[in-house]
């Protein structure tokens, strides 16, 4: 049977074929479990029409949104996945502030999965297939005391990438930013660096990339 849940949107990020949306269930002022809405399509991405409200406006970070789901469909470490009901408009019922969602931030000693490896530019931003498949969740909300946002030119794809460096649970991290609104905000000149105090970051562990046998850790949402 379909079920309707209210979540606060904490990620609305780039994903092949569309968007990756994620949030935490919110009822009567209380936070519950993580939920990642996914589509019935093979790539599971959410398209623009699916995250557009009946009045024509589109889902935004910190929106409180009612979504109707057909079923819970966990997949490997992405245990938070729920399949949306097709053709049912999402309904915005409110919006939270950054101060509100601080209550949902993970304890400062919560590890972002591991042991991890690093990409050429990143730091502790990869998990092997074995480690990823052993994980029991794929989403975390954290608030480091500081983060450095850096614009780095990607010569292989001829565009800028945005990377976020921070320390969490005593470990240094540097992950790619996939939040499109914040990407546009910080996509200035290659080499630019921006310092953020006490940002709230939604970290997502992507699906395993079969060819490379790794899963990427991404900053899927940034509130600052």
N, C-alpha and C. Protein backbone atom coordinates (compact mmCIF):
# COMPACT_ATOMS: atom_id res chain seq x y z
N UNK A 1 0.84 -1.19 0.00
CA UNK A 1 0.00 0.00 0.00
C UNK A 1 0.88 1.25 0.00
N UNK A 2 0.50 2.26 -0.80
CA UNK A 2 1.27 3.52 -0.77
C UNK A 2 1.23 4.15 0.61
N UNK A 3 2.30 4.84 0.95
CA UNK A 3 2.40 5.52 2.23
C UNK A 3 2.97 6.91 1.99
N UNK A 4 2.44 7.92 2.69
CA UNK A 4 2.91 9.29 2.54
C UNK A 4 3.75 9.67 3.75
N UNK A 5 4.93 10.21 3.48
CA UNK A 5 5.84 10.62 4.53
C UNK A 5 6.25 12.08 4.31
N UNK A 6 6.52 12.78 5.39
CA UNK A 6 7.03 14.15 5.32
C UNK A 6 8.51 14.13 5.65
N UNK A 7 9.31 14.71 4.76
CA UNK A 7 10.75 14.80 5.01
C UNK A 7 11.20 16.25 4.90
N UNK A 8 12.33 16.54 5.54
CA UNK A 8 13.00 17.81 5.30
C UNK A 8 14.08 17.55 4.28
N UNK A 9 14.09 18.32 3.19
CA UNK A 9 15.05 18.10 2.11
C UNK A 9 16.44 18.57 2.54
N UNK A 10 17.39 17.64 2.51
CA UNK A 10 18.77 17.95 2.89
C UNK A 10 19.76 17.68 1.77
N UNK A 11 19.27 17.16 0.65
CA UNK A 11 20.10 16.96 -0.54
C UNK A 11 19.20 17.01 -1.76
N UNK A 12 19.64 17.72 -2.77
CA UNK A 12 18.93 17.82 -4.05
C UNK A 12 20.02 18.00 -5.09
N UNK A 13 20.78 16.93 -5.31
CA UNK A 13 22.08 17.05 -5.96
C UNK A 13 22.11 16.46 -7.37
N UNK A 14 23.22 16.77 -8.07
CA UNK A 14 23.47 16.17 -9.38
C UNK A 14 23.50 14.64 -9.25
N UNK A 15 22.98 13.99 -10.26
CA UNK A 15 23.09 12.53 -10.36
C UNK A 15 22.89 12.18 -11.83
N UNK A 16 23.62 11.20 -12.35
CA UNK A 16 23.41 10.82 -13.75
C UNK A 16 21.94 10.52 -14.04
N UNK A 17 21.38 11.23 -15.03
CA UNK A 17 20.00 11.00 -15.40
C UNK A 17 18.99 11.84 -14.64
N UNK A 18 19.45 12.69 -13.71
CA UNK A 18 18.51 13.50 -12.96
C UNK A 18 19.10 13.99 -11.65
N UNK A 19 18.34 13.85 -10.59
CA UNK A 19 18.76 14.34 -9.28
C UNK A 19 18.73 13.23 -8.24
N UNK A 20 19.56 13.41 -7.22
CA UNK A 20 19.51 12.58 -6.02
C UNK A 20 18.92 13.44 -4.91
N UNK A 21 17.75 13.07 -4.45
CA UNK A 21 17.06 13.78 -3.37
C UNK A 21 17.15 12.94 -2.10
N UNK A 22 17.38 13.59 -0.98
CA UNK A 22 17.42 12.85 0.29
C UNK A 22 17.00 13.79 1.41
N UNK A 23 16.46 13.20 2.45
CA UNK A 23 16.07 13.99 3.61
C UNK A 23 15.78 13.10 4.80
N UNK A 24 15.39 13.73 5.88
CA UNK A 24 15.08 13.01 7.11
C UNK A 24 13.60 13.18 7.40
N UNK A 25 12.95 12.08 7.77
CA UNK A 25 11.52 12.15 8.09
C UNK A 25 11.31 13.11 9.26
N UNK A 26 10.22 13.87 9.18
CA UNK A 26 9.96 14.93 10.17
C UNK A 26 8.49 14.89 10.54
N UNK A 27 8.22 14.63 11.81
CA UNK A 27 6.85 14.55 12.29
C UNK A 27 6.73 15.25 13.63
N UNK A 28 5.79 16.18 13.73
CA UNK A 28 5.51 16.87 14.99
C UNK A 28 6.77 17.43 15.64
N UNK A 29 7.64 18.01 14.81
CA UNK A 29 8.84 18.63 15.32
C UNK A 29 9.97 17.68 15.65
N UNK A 30 9.79 16.39 15.33
CA UNK A 30 10.80 15.38 15.65
C UNK A 30 11.39 14.79 14.38
N UNK A 31 12.70 14.56 14.39
CA UNK A 31 13.37 13.94 13.25
C UNK A 31 13.35 12.42 13.40
N UNK A 32 13.17 11.75 12.27
CA UNK A 32 13.15 10.29 12.26
C UNK A 32 14.26 9.71 11.42
N UNK A 33 13.91 8.80 10.51
CA UNK A 33 14.88 8.09 9.69
C UNK A 33 15.19 8.85 8.40
N UNK A 34 16.35 8.56 7.85
CA UNK A 34 16.72 9.07 6.54
C UNK A 34 15.84 8.41 5.47
N UNK A 35 15.52 9.19 4.43
CA UNK A 35 14.77 8.68 3.28
C UNK A 35 15.41 9.25 2.01
N UNK A 36 15.66 8.37 1.04
CA UNK A 36 16.13 8.81 -0.29
C UNK A 36 15.04 8.41 -1.29
N UNK A 37 14.24 9.37 -1.77
CA UNK A 37 13.26 9.02 -2.81
C UNK A 37 13.96 8.59 -4.10
N UNK A 38 13.50 7.50 -4.68
CA UNK A 38 14.04 7.03 -5.96
C UNK A 38 12.87 6.73 -6.89
N UNK A 39 13.15 6.78 -8.19
CA UNK A 39 12.11 6.55 -9.18
C UNK A 39 12.01 5.07 -9.53
N UNK A 40 10.98 4.75 -10.31
CA UNK A 40 10.80 3.38 -10.80
C UNK A 40 11.76 3.05 -11.94
N UNK A 41 12.38 4.08 -12.53
CA UNK A 41 13.25 3.85 -13.67
C UNK A 41 14.54 3.14 -13.26
N UNK A 42 15.21 2.59 -14.23
CA UNK A 42 16.42 1.81 -13.95
C UNK A 42 17.50 2.59 -13.27
N UNK A 43 17.66 3.88 -13.62
CA UNK A 43 18.72 4.68 -12.99
C UNK A 43 18.30 5.24 -11.63
N UNK A 44 17.02 5.11 -11.30
CA UNK A 44 16.45 5.52 -10.01
C UNK A 44 16.49 7.02 -9.76
N UNK A 45 17.03 7.81 -10.68
CA UNK A 45 17.13 9.25 -10.49
C UNK A 45 15.75 9.90 -10.48
N UNK A 46 15.64 11.00 -9.75
CA UNK A 46 14.42 11.81 -9.73
C UNK A 46 14.54 12.88 -10.81
N UNK A 47 13.52 12.98 -11.68
CA UNK A 47 13.60 14.00 -12.73
C UNK A 47 12.94 15.31 -12.28
N UNK A 48 13.08 16.35 -13.11
CA UNK A 48 12.58 17.67 -12.73
C UNK A 48 11.07 17.66 -12.49
N UNK A 49 10.32 16.94 -13.34
CA UNK A 49 8.87 16.92 -13.19
C UNK A 49 8.45 16.29 -11.87
N UNK A 50 9.19 15.28 -11.45
CA UNK A 50 8.81 14.57 -10.22
C UNK A 50 9.03 15.40 -8.97
N UNK A 51 9.99 16.33 -9.01
CA UNK A 51 10.25 17.16 -7.83
C UNK A 51 9.69 18.57 -7.98
N UNK A 52 8.73 18.73 -8.90
CA UNK A 52 8.04 20.01 -9.09
C UNK A 52 6.67 19.94 -8.42
N UNK A 53 6.37 20.96 -7.62
CA UNK A 53 5.10 21.01 -6.92
C UNK A 53 3.96 21.37 -7.87
N UNK A 54 2.73 21.19 -7.40
CA UNK A 54 1.55 21.45 -8.24
C UNK A 54 1.48 22.90 -8.70
N UNK A 55 2.05 23.84 -7.91
CA UNK A 55 2.01 25.26 -8.30
C UNK A 55 3.13 25.65 -9.26
N UNK A 56 3.95 24.67 -9.65
CA UNK A 56 5.03 24.93 -10.61
C UNK A 56 6.37 25.24 -9.99
N UNK A 57 6.42 25.46 -8.69
CA UNK A 57 7.71 25.69 -8.02
C UNK A 57 8.42 24.35 -7.81
N UNK A 58 9.71 24.43 -7.54
CA UNK A 58 10.51 23.21 -7.47
C UNK A 58 11.08 23.02 -6.07
N UNK A 59 11.27 21.76 -5.72
CA UNK A 59 11.86 21.38 -4.44
C UNK A 59 13.14 22.18 -4.17
N UNK A 60 13.30 22.63 -2.92
CA UNK A 60 14.50 23.35 -2.51
C UNK A 60 14.98 22.81 -1.17
N UNK A 61 16.25 23.06 -0.89
CA UNK A 61 16.83 22.63 0.38
C UNK A 61 16.03 23.20 1.55
N UNK A 62 15.85 22.37 2.56
CA UNK A 62 15.15 22.67 3.81
C UNK A 62 13.64 22.72 3.67
N UNK A 63 13.11 22.46 2.46
CA UNK A 63 11.66 22.32 2.32
C UNK A 63 11.17 21.15 3.16
N UNK A 64 10.00 21.30 3.76
CA UNK A 64 9.26 20.18 4.32
C UNK A 64 8.29 19.72 3.24
N UNK A 65 8.44 18.47 2.82
CA UNK A 65 7.70 18.02 1.65
C UNK A 65 7.06 16.66 1.92
N UNK A 66 5.79 16.56 1.57
CA UNK A 66 5.06 15.29 1.65
C UNK A 66 5.25 14.54 0.33
N UNK A 67 5.70 13.30 0.45
CA UNK A 67 5.93 12.46 -0.73
C UNK A 67 5.24 11.12 -0.52
N UNK A 68 4.55 10.65 -1.54
CA UNK A 68 3.88 9.35 -1.47
C UNK A 68 4.79 8.29 -2.10
N UNK A 69 4.98 7.20 -1.37
CA UNK A 69 5.87 6.13 -1.79
C UNK A 69 5.09 4.83 -1.99
N UNK A 70 5.58 4.03 -2.94
CA UNK A 70 5.00 2.70 -3.15
C UNK A 70 5.61 1.65 -2.23
N UNK A 71 6.92 1.79 -1.97
CA UNK A 71 7.57 0.74 -1.18
C UNK A 71 8.96 1.18 -0.73
N UNK A 72 9.40 0.60 0.36
CA UNK A 72 10.79 0.74 0.79
C UNK A 72 11.61 -0.24 -0.04
N UNK A 73 12.70 0.25 -0.66
CA UNK A 73 13.49 -0.60 -1.54
C UNK A 73 14.98 -0.40 -1.26
N UNK A 74 15.48 -0.93 -0.14
CA UNK A 74 16.92 -0.80 0.15
C UNK A 74 17.75 -1.52 -0.90
N UNK A 75 18.91 -0.95 -1.20
CA UNK A 75 19.81 -1.56 -2.18
C UNK A 75 21.24 -1.45 -1.68
N UNK A 76 21.81 -2.58 -1.28
CA UNK A 76 23.14 -2.64 -0.69
C UNK A 76 23.25 -1.61 0.45
N UNK A 77 24.26 -0.75 0.42
CA UNK A 77 24.42 0.19 1.53
C UNK A 77 23.40 1.33 1.49
N UNK A 78 22.71 1.50 0.37
CA UNK A 78 21.69 2.55 0.29
C UNK A 78 20.37 2.02 0.85
N UNK A 79 20.39 1.83 2.16
CA UNK A 79 19.23 1.26 2.85
C UNK A 79 18.08 2.25 2.99
N UNK A 80 18.33 3.52 2.67
CA UNK A 80 17.32 4.57 2.86
C UNK A 80 16.39 4.74 1.66
N UNK A 81 16.57 3.96 0.60
CA UNK A 81 15.83 4.17 -0.63
C UNK A 81 14.35 3.79 -0.51
N UNK A 82 13.49 4.71 -0.95
CA UNK A 82 12.05 4.48 -1.04
C UNK A 82 11.60 4.85 -2.45
N UNK A 83 10.79 3.98 -3.09
CA UNK A 83 10.32 4.21 -4.45
C UNK A 83 9.08 5.11 -4.42
N UNK A 84 9.15 6.22 -5.16
CA UNK A 84 8.03 7.16 -5.17
C UNK A 84 6.87 6.62 -6.00
N UNK A 85 5.66 7.07 -5.66
CA UNK A 85 4.47 6.74 -6.46
C UNK A 85 4.45 7.62 -7.70
N UNK A 86 4.28 7.02 -8.85
CA UNK A 86 4.29 7.77 -10.10
C UNK A 86 3.03 8.61 -10.24
N UNK A 87 3.21 9.84 -10.75
CA UNK A 87 2.07 10.69 -11.04
C UNK A 87 1.44 11.38 -9.85
N UNK A 88 2.05 11.26 -8.66
CA UNK A 88 1.52 11.92 -7.47
C UNK A 88 2.41 13.13 -7.14
N UNK A 89 1.83 14.32 -7.18
CA UNK A 89 2.62 15.53 -6.92
C UNK A 89 3.17 15.53 -5.50
N UNK A 90 4.41 15.99 -5.38
CA UNK A 90 4.97 16.25 -4.06
C UNK A 90 4.32 17.53 -3.52
N UNK A 91 4.16 17.59 -2.21
CA UNK A 91 3.43 18.70 -1.60
C UNK A 91 4.29 19.39 -0.55
N UNK A 92 4.63 20.65 -0.78
CA UNK A 92 5.41 21.42 0.20
C UNK A 92 4.48 21.86 1.32
N UNK A 93 4.86 21.53 2.56
CA UNK A 93 4.02 21.86 3.71
C UNK A 93 4.72 22.82 4.67
N UNK A 94 5.92 23.26 4.33
CA UNK A 94 6.64 24.19 5.20
C UNK A 94 8.10 24.25 4.84
N UNK A 95 8.87 24.89 5.67
CA UNK A 95 10.31 24.97 5.46
C UNK A 95 10.98 25.19 6.81
N UNK A 96 12.10 24.50 7.01
CA UNK A 96 12.87 24.66 8.24
C UNK A 96 14.00 25.65 8.02
N UNK A 97 14.62 26.07 9.10
CA UNK A 97 15.80 26.94 9.06
C UNK A 97 17.03 26.09 9.36
N UNK A 98 18.22 26.60 9.04
CA UNK A 98 19.44 25.86 9.42
C UNK A 98 19.50 25.57 10.92
N UNK A 99 19.01 26.49 11.73
CA UNK A 99 19.03 26.27 13.18
C UNK A 99 18.18 25.07 13.57
N UNK A 100 17.05 24.88 12.88
CA UNK A 100 16.17 23.74 13.18
C UNK A 100 16.88 22.41 12.95
N UNK A 101 17.61 22.30 11.82
CA UNK A 101 18.15 20.99 11.46
C UNK A 101 19.42 20.63 12.22
N UNK A 102 19.94 21.56 13.01
CA UNK A 102 21.11 21.22 13.83
C UNK A 102 20.80 20.08 14.78
N UNK A 103 19.52 19.92 15.13
CA UNK A 103 19.13 18.83 16.01
C UNK A 103 19.29 17.47 15.35
N UNK A 104 19.41 17.44 14.02
CA UNK A 104 19.56 16.19 13.29
C UNK A 104 21.01 15.86 12.95
N UNK A 105 21.93 16.75 13.33
CA UNK A 105 23.35 16.53 13.02
C UNK A 105 23.89 15.33 13.80
N UNK A 106 24.69 14.53 13.15
CA UNK A 106 25.27 13.34 13.78
C UNK A 106 26.26 13.74 14.87
N UNK A 107 26.42 12.90 15.88
CA UNK A 107 27.44 13.18 16.91
C UNK A 107 28.83 13.34 16.28
N UNK A 108 29.66 14.18 16.89
CA UNK A 108 30.95 14.55 16.30
C UNK A 108 31.92 13.39 16.18
N UNK A 109 31.64 12.27 16.84
CA UNK A 109 32.53 11.11 16.73
C UNK A 109 32.02 10.08 15.72
N UNK A 110 30.99 10.44 14.95
CA UNK A 110 30.43 9.52 13.96
C UNK A 110 31.32 9.46 12.73
N UNK A 111 31.86 8.28 12.44
CA UNK A 111 32.74 8.14 11.28
C UNK A 111 31.94 8.15 9.98
N UNK A 112 32.54 8.71 8.95
CA UNK A 112 31.93 8.71 7.63
C UNK A 112 32.38 7.47 6.86
N UNK A 113 32.05 6.33 7.41
CA UNK A 113 32.37 5.04 6.83
C UNK A 113 33.89 4.84 6.73
N UNK A 114 34.30 3.67 6.46
CA UNK A 114 35.74 3.45 6.34
C UNK A 114 36.10 2.02 6.68
N UNK A 115 37.39 1.70 6.53
CA UNK A 115 38.50 2.57 6.12
C UNK A 115 38.35 3.04 4.67
N UNK A 116 38.88 4.22 4.42
CA UNK A 116 38.69 4.89 3.14
C UNK A 116 40.00 5.04 2.40
N UNK A 117 39.88 5.26 1.10
CA UNK A 117 41.02 5.63 0.27
C UNK A 117 40.72 6.98 -0.36
N UNK A 118 41.61 7.46 -1.21
CA UNK A 118 41.47 8.82 -1.75
C UNK A 118 41.62 8.84 -3.25
N UNK A 119 40.87 9.74 -3.89
CA UNK A 119 41.08 10.02 -5.31
C UNK A 119 42.32 10.90 -5.45
N UNK A 120 42.70 11.23 -6.69
CA UNK A 120 43.89 12.03 -6.94
C UNK A 120 43.79 13.39 -6.25
N UNK A 121 42.60 14.00 -6.29
CA UNK A 121 42.40 15.30 -5.68
C UNK A 121 41.82 15.18 -4.28
N UNK A 122 40.96 14.22 -4.07
CA UNK A 122 40.24 14.11 -2.81
C UNK A 122 41.04 13.51 -1.67
N UNK A 123 40.40 13.43 -0.53
CA UNK A 123 40.99 12.83 0.66
C UNK A 123 39.90 12.03 1.38
N UNK A 124 40.17 10.75 1.59
CA UNK A 124 39.20 9.86 2.26
C UNK A 124 37.81 9.98 1.63
N UNK A 125 37.77 9.99 0.30
CA UNK A 125 36.51 10.16 -0.42
C UNK A 125 36.09 8.94 -1.22
N UNK A 126 36.73 7.80 -0.95
CA UNK A 126 36.38 6.56 -1.65
C UNK A 126 36.30 5.40 -0.68
N UNK A 127 35.39 4.47 -0.98
CA UNK A 127 35.34 3.19 -0.29
C UNK A 127 35.48 2.08 -1.31
N UNK A 128 36.14 1.02 -0.95
CA UNK A 128 36.19 -0.16 -1.82
C UNK A 128 34.81 -0.82 -1.83
N UNK A 129 34.56 -1.64 -2.84
CA UNK A 129 33.29 -2.36 -2.93
C UNK A 129 33.02 -3.15 -1.66
N UNK A 130 34.04 -3.82 -1.16
CA UNK A 130 33.88 -4.65 0.02
C UNK A 130 33.44 -3.83 1.22
N UNK A 131 34.09 -2.70 1.45
CA UNK A 131 33.76 -1.85 2.58
C UNK A 131 32.39 -1.21 2.39
N UNK A 132 32.10 -0.75 1.17
CA UNK A 132 30.80 -0.12 0.90
C UNK A 132 29.66 -1.10 1.11
N UNK A 133 29.83 -2.32 0.63
CA UNK A 133 28.76 -3.31 0.76
C UNK A 133 28.52 -3.73 2.20
N UNK A 134 29.52 -3.50 3.06
CA UNK A 134 29.35 -3.84 4.48
C UNK A 134 28.68 -2.71 5.25
N UNK A 135 28.57 -1.53 4.63
CA UNK A 135 27.94 -0.39 5.31
C UNK A 135 26.44 -0.61 5.42
N UNK A 136 25.84 -0.06 6.45
CA UNK A 136 24.40 -0.23 6.69
C UNK A 136 23.62 1.06 6.46
N UNK A 137 24.30 2.09 6.00
CA UNK A 137 23.62 3.35 5.67
C UNK A 137 24.47 4.10 4.66
N UNK A 138 23.88 5.13 4.06
CA UNK A 138 24.62 5.86 3.03
C UNK A 138 24.42 7.37 3.11
N UNK A 139 23.86 7.85 4.21
CA UNK A 139 23.61 9.28 4.36
C UNK A 139 23.98 9.72 5.78
N UNK A 140 24.58 10.91 5.88
CA UNK A 140 24.93 11.45 7.19
C UNK A 140 24.88 12.96 7.13
N UNK A 141 24.41 13.58 8.21
CA UNK A 141 24.38 15.02 8.32
C UNK A 141 25.38 15.45 9.38
N UNK A 142 26.35 16.28 8.98
CA UNK A 142 27.42 16.66 9.90
C UNK A 142 27.57 18.18 9.92
N UNK A 143 28.27 18.66 10.94
CA UNK A 143 28.54 20.11 11.04
C UNK A 143 29.96 20.32 11.57
N UNK A 144 30.94 20.30 10.66
CA UNK A 144 32.31 20.59 11.08
C UNK A 144 32.44 22.05 11.50
N UNK A 145 33.47 22.35 12.26
CA UNK A 145 33.66 23.74 12.71
C UNK A 145 34.08 24.65 11.56
N UNK A 146 34.67 24.07 10.52
CA UNK A 146 35.11 24.85 9.37
C UNK A 146 35.19 23.95 8.14
N UNK A 147 34.95 24.55 6.99
CA UNK A 147 35.15 23.84 5.72
C UNK A 147 35.76 24.82 4.72
N UNK A 148 36.60 24.29 3.85
CA UNK A 148 37.20 25.07 2.77
C UNK A 148 36.60 24.60 1.46
N UNK A 149 35.97 25.51 0.75
CA UNK A 149 35.41 25.21 -0.57
C UNK A 149 36.39 25.71 -1.62
N UNK A 150 36.82 24.80 -2.51
CA UNK A 150 37.88 25.13 -3.47
C UNK A 150 37.40 24.86 -4.90
N UNK A 151 37.68 25.79 -5.79
CA UNK A 151 37.35 25.66 -7.21
C UNK A 151 38.57 25.09 -7.93
N UNK A 152 38.41 23.91 -8.54
CA UNK A 152 39.53 23.24 -9.20
C UNK A 152 39.15 22.93 -10.65
N UNK A 153 39.96 23.36 -11.58
CA UNK A 153 39.70 23.11 -13.00
C UNK A 153 39.97 21.65 -13.34
N UNK A 154 39.00 21.01 -13.98
CA UNK A 154 39.12 19.63 -14.43
C UNK A 154 39.51 19.63 -15.90
N UNK A 155 40.81 19.41 -16.17
CA UNK A 155 41.30 19.51 -17.54
C UNK A 155 40.81 18.37 -18.42
N UNK A 156 40.44 17.26 -17.81
CA UNK A 156 39.97 16.12 -18.60
C UNK A 156 38.55 16.33 -19.11
N UNK A 157 37.74 17.09 -18.37
CA UNK A 157 36.35 17.34 -18.78
C UNK A 157 36.09 18.80 -19.11
N UNK A 158 37.15 19.64 -19.04
CA UNK A 158 37.08 21.04 -19.43
C UNK A 158 36.00 21.82 -18.68
N UNK A 159 35.98 21.66 -17.38
CA UNK A 159 35.09 22.46 -16.55
C UNK A 159 35.63 22.49 -15.12
N UNK A 160 35.09 23.38 -14.33
CA UNK A 160 35.48 23.45 -12.93
C UNK A 160 34.74 22.40 -12.10
N UNK A 161 35.41 21.84 -11.12
CA UNK A 161 34.79 21.05 -10.08
C UNK A 161 34.93 21.82 -8.76
N UNK A 162 34.00 21.58 -7.86
CA UNK A 162 34.05 22.22 -6.55
C UNK A 162 34.31 21.13 -5.51
N UNK A 163 35.31 21.35 -4.66
CA UNK A 163 35.69 20.38 -3.64
C UNK A 163 35.56 21.02 -2.26
N UNK A 164 35.16 20.21 -1.29
CA UNK A 164 34.96 20.69 0.07
C UNK A 164 35.89 19.92 1.02
N UNK A 165 36.75 20.64 1.72
CA UNK A 165 37.68 20.04 2.69
C UNK A 165 37.22 20.35 4.11
N UNK A 166 37.30 19.35 4.97
CA UNK A 166 36.88 19.54 6.36
C UNK A 166 37.44 18.40 7.20
N UNK A 167 37.42 18.59 8.50
CA UNK A 167 37.81 17.53 9.43
C UNK A 167 36.58 17.08 10.20
N UNK A 168 36.43 15.76 10.33
CA UNK A 168 35.29 15.21 11.06
C UNK A 168 35.70 13.93 11.76
N UNK A 169 35.34 13.81 13.02
CA UNK A 169 35.69 12.65 13.83
C UNK A 169 37.20 12.42 13.82
N UNK A 170 37.95 13.52 13.80
CA UNK A 170 39.40 13.43 13.84
C UNK A 170 40.05 13.03 12.54
N UNK A 171 39.30 13.02 11.45
CA UNK A 171 39.81 12.58 10.14
C UNK A 171 39.63 13.70 9.12
N UNK A 172 40.66 13.97 8.31
CA UNK A 172 40.56 14.95 7.25
C UNK A 172 39.84 14.38 6.04
N UNK A 173 38.99 15.18 5.41
CA UNK A 173 38.25 14.76 4.22
C UNK A 173 38.30 15.86 3.17
N UNK A 174 38.23 15.44 1.92
CA UNK A 174 38.06 16.36 0.81
C UNK A 174 37.17 15.66 -0.22
N UNK A 175 35.95 16.20 -0.40
CA UNK A 175 34.95 15.53 -1.23
C UNK A 175 34.41 16.48 -2.28
N UNK A 176 33.96 15.91 -3.37
CA UNK A 176 33.36 16.71 -4.44
C UNK A 176 31.97 17.18 -4.02
N UNK A 177 31.66 18.44 -4.36
CA UNK A 177 30.35 19.03 -4.09
C UNK A 177 29.41 18.75 -5.26
N UNK A 178 28.21 18.20 -4.97
CA UNK A 178 27.23 17.91 -6.03
C UNK A 178 25.91 18.64 -5.81
N UNK A 179 25.91 19.60 -4.90
CA UNK A 179 24.75 20.44 -4.66
C UNK A 179 24.73 21.52 -5.75
N UNK A 180 23.73 21.53 -6.67
CA UNK A 180 23.80 22.45 -7.81
C UNK A 180 23.67 23.91 -7.44
N UNK A 181 22.89 24.23 -6.42
CA UNK A 181 22.74 25.63 -6.01
C UNK A 181 24.04 26.16 -5.44
N UNK A 182 24.66 25.38 -4.57
CA UNK A 182 25.93 25.80 -3.98
C UNK A 182 27.07 25.73 -5.00
N UNK A 183 26.97 24.80 -5.94
CA UNK A 183 27.96 24.75 -7.02
C UNK A 183 27.94 26.07 -7.79
N UNK A 184 26.77 26.55 -8.14
CA UNK A 184 26.66 27.81 -8.87
C UNK A 184 27.18 28.97 -8.03
N UNK A 185 26.91 28.93 -6.74
CA UNK A 185 27.36 30.00 -5.84
C UNK A 185 28.88 30.09 -5.79
N UNK A 186 29.54 28.95 -5.72
CA UNK A 186 30.99 28.94 -5.51
C UNK A 186 31.80 28.76 -6.80
N UNK A 187 31.15 28.53 -7.92
CA UNK A 187 31.86 28.30 -9.17
C UNK A 187 32.35 29.63 -9.74
N UNK A 188 33.42 30.13 -9.17
CA UNK A 188 33.98 31.41 -9.60
C UNK A 188 35.19 31.14 -10.49
N UNK A 189 36.37 31.47 -10.03
CA UNK A 189 37.59 31.29 -10.82
C UNK A 189 38.39 30.12 -10.26
N UNK A 190 38.90 29.28 -11.15
CA UNK A 190 39.73 28.15 -10.70
C UNK A 190 40.85 28.65 -9.79
N UNK A 191 41.01 27.97 -8.67
CA UNK A 191 42.00 28.37 -7.68
C UNK A 191 41.41 29.12 -6.51
N UNK A 192 40.18 29.63 -6.67
CA UNK A 192 39.54 30.35 -5.57
C UNK A 192 39.24 29.40 -4.41
N UNK A 193 39.35 29.93 -3.20
CA UNK A 193 39.05 29.19 -1.98
C UNK A 193 38.12 30.03 -1.09
N UNK A 194 37.13 29.36 -0.54
CA UNK A 194 36.16 30.03 0.31
C UNK A 194 36.11 29.30 1.65
N UNK A 195 36.22 30.04 2.75
CA UNK A 195 36.19 29.44 4.08
C UNK A 195 34.80 29.60 4.69
N UNK A 196 34.23 28.49 5.15
CA UNK A 196 32.90 28.50 5.76
C UNK A 196 33.01 28.10 7.22
N UNK A 197 32.34 28.84 8.08
CA UNK A 197 32.32 28.52 9.51
C UNK A 197 31.05 27.74 9.84
N UNK A 198 31.22 26.58 10.47
CA UNK A 198 30.11 25.75 10.96
C UNK A 198 29.07 25.41 9.88
N UNK A 199 29.51 24.99 8.69
CA UNK A 199 28.52 24.61 7.68
C UNK A 199 27.85 23.28 8.06
N UNK A 200 26.65 23.08 7.55
CA UNK A 200 25.98 21.79 7.69
C UNK A 200 26.11 21.07 6.35
N UNK A 201 26.64 19.86 6.39
CA UNK A 201 26.90 19.10 5.17
C UNK A 201 26.11 17.79 5.18
N UNK A 202 25.43 17.52 4.09
CA UNK A 202 24.81 16.21 3.89
C UNK A 202 25.78 15.37 3.06
N UNK A 203 26.31 14.32 3.68
CA UNK A 203 27.27 13.45 3.00
C UNK A 203 26.54 12.20 2.49
N UNK A 204 26.74 11.90 1.22
CA UNK A 204 26.09 10.74 0.60
C UNK A 204 27.14 9.76 0.09
N UNK A 205 26.91 8.50 0.36
CA UNK A 205 27.76 7.43 -0.17
C UNK A 205 27.07 6.89 -1.41
N UNK A 206 27.66 7.17 -2.57
CA UNK A 206 27.05 6.79 -3.85
C UNK A 206 27.07 5.28 -4.06
N UNK A 207 26.37 4.86 -5.08
CA UNK A 207 26.41 3.44 -5.46
C UNK A 207 27.82 3.05 -5.86
N UNK A 208 28.10 1.76 -5.78
CA UNK A 208 29.40 1.26 -6.21
C UNK A 208 29.54 1.43 -7.73
N UNK A 209 30.65 2.00 -8.15
CA UNK A 209 31.00 2.10 -9.57
C UNK A 209 31.68 0.78 -9.92
N UNK A 210 30.95 -0.08 -10.63
CA UNK A 210 31.39 -1.46 -10.83
C UNK A 210 32.75 -1.52 -11.50
N UNK A 211 32.96 -0.70 -12.54
CA UNK A 211 34.21 -0.76 -13.29
C UNK A 211 35.42 -0.43 -12.42
N UNK A 212 35.24 0.51 -11.49
CA UNK A 212 36.36 0.92 -10.65
C UNK A 212 36.35 0.25 -9.28
N UNK A 213 35.26 -0.46 -8.99
CA UNK A 213 35.12 -1.21 -7.74
C UNK A 213 35.26 -0.28 -6.52
N UNK A 214 34.67 0.92 -6.63
CA UNK A 214 34.69 1.89 -5.53
C UNK A 214 33.35 2.60 -5.44
N UNK A 215 33.08 3.17 -4.27
CA UNK A 215 31.92 4.03 -4.06
C UNK A 215 32.41 5.38 -3.56
N UNK A 216 31.92 6.46 -4.14
CA UNK A 216 32.37 7.80 -3.79
C UNK A 216 31.57 8.39 -2.63
N UNK A 217 32.27 9.14 -1.79
CA UNK A 217 31.62 9.94 -0.77
C UNK A 217 31.51 11.37 -1.30
N UNK A 218 30.32 11.95 -1.26
CA UNK A 218 30.05 13.23 -1.88
C UNK A 218 29.37 14.18 -0.89
N UNK A 219 29.62 15.47 -1.07
CA UNK A 219 28.86 16.49 -0.35
C UNK A 219 27.63 16.79 -1.21
N UNK A 220 26.52 16.12 -0.87
CA UNK A 220 25.31 16.22 -1.67
C UNK A 220 24.43 17.40 -1.30
N UNK A 221 24.69 17.98 -0.14
CA UNK A 221 23.95 19.15 0.30
C UNK A 221 24.83 20.00 1.19
N UNK A 222 24.77 21.33 1.02
CA UNK A 222 25.59 22.24 1.81
C UNK A 222 24.71 23.38 2.28
N UNK A 223 24.67 23.58 3.58
CA UNK A 223 23.90 24.68 4.17
C UNK A 223 24.87 25.60 4.89
N UNK A 224 25.02 26.81 4.39
CA UNK A 224 25.96 27.76 4.98
C UNK A 224 25.59 29.18 4.56
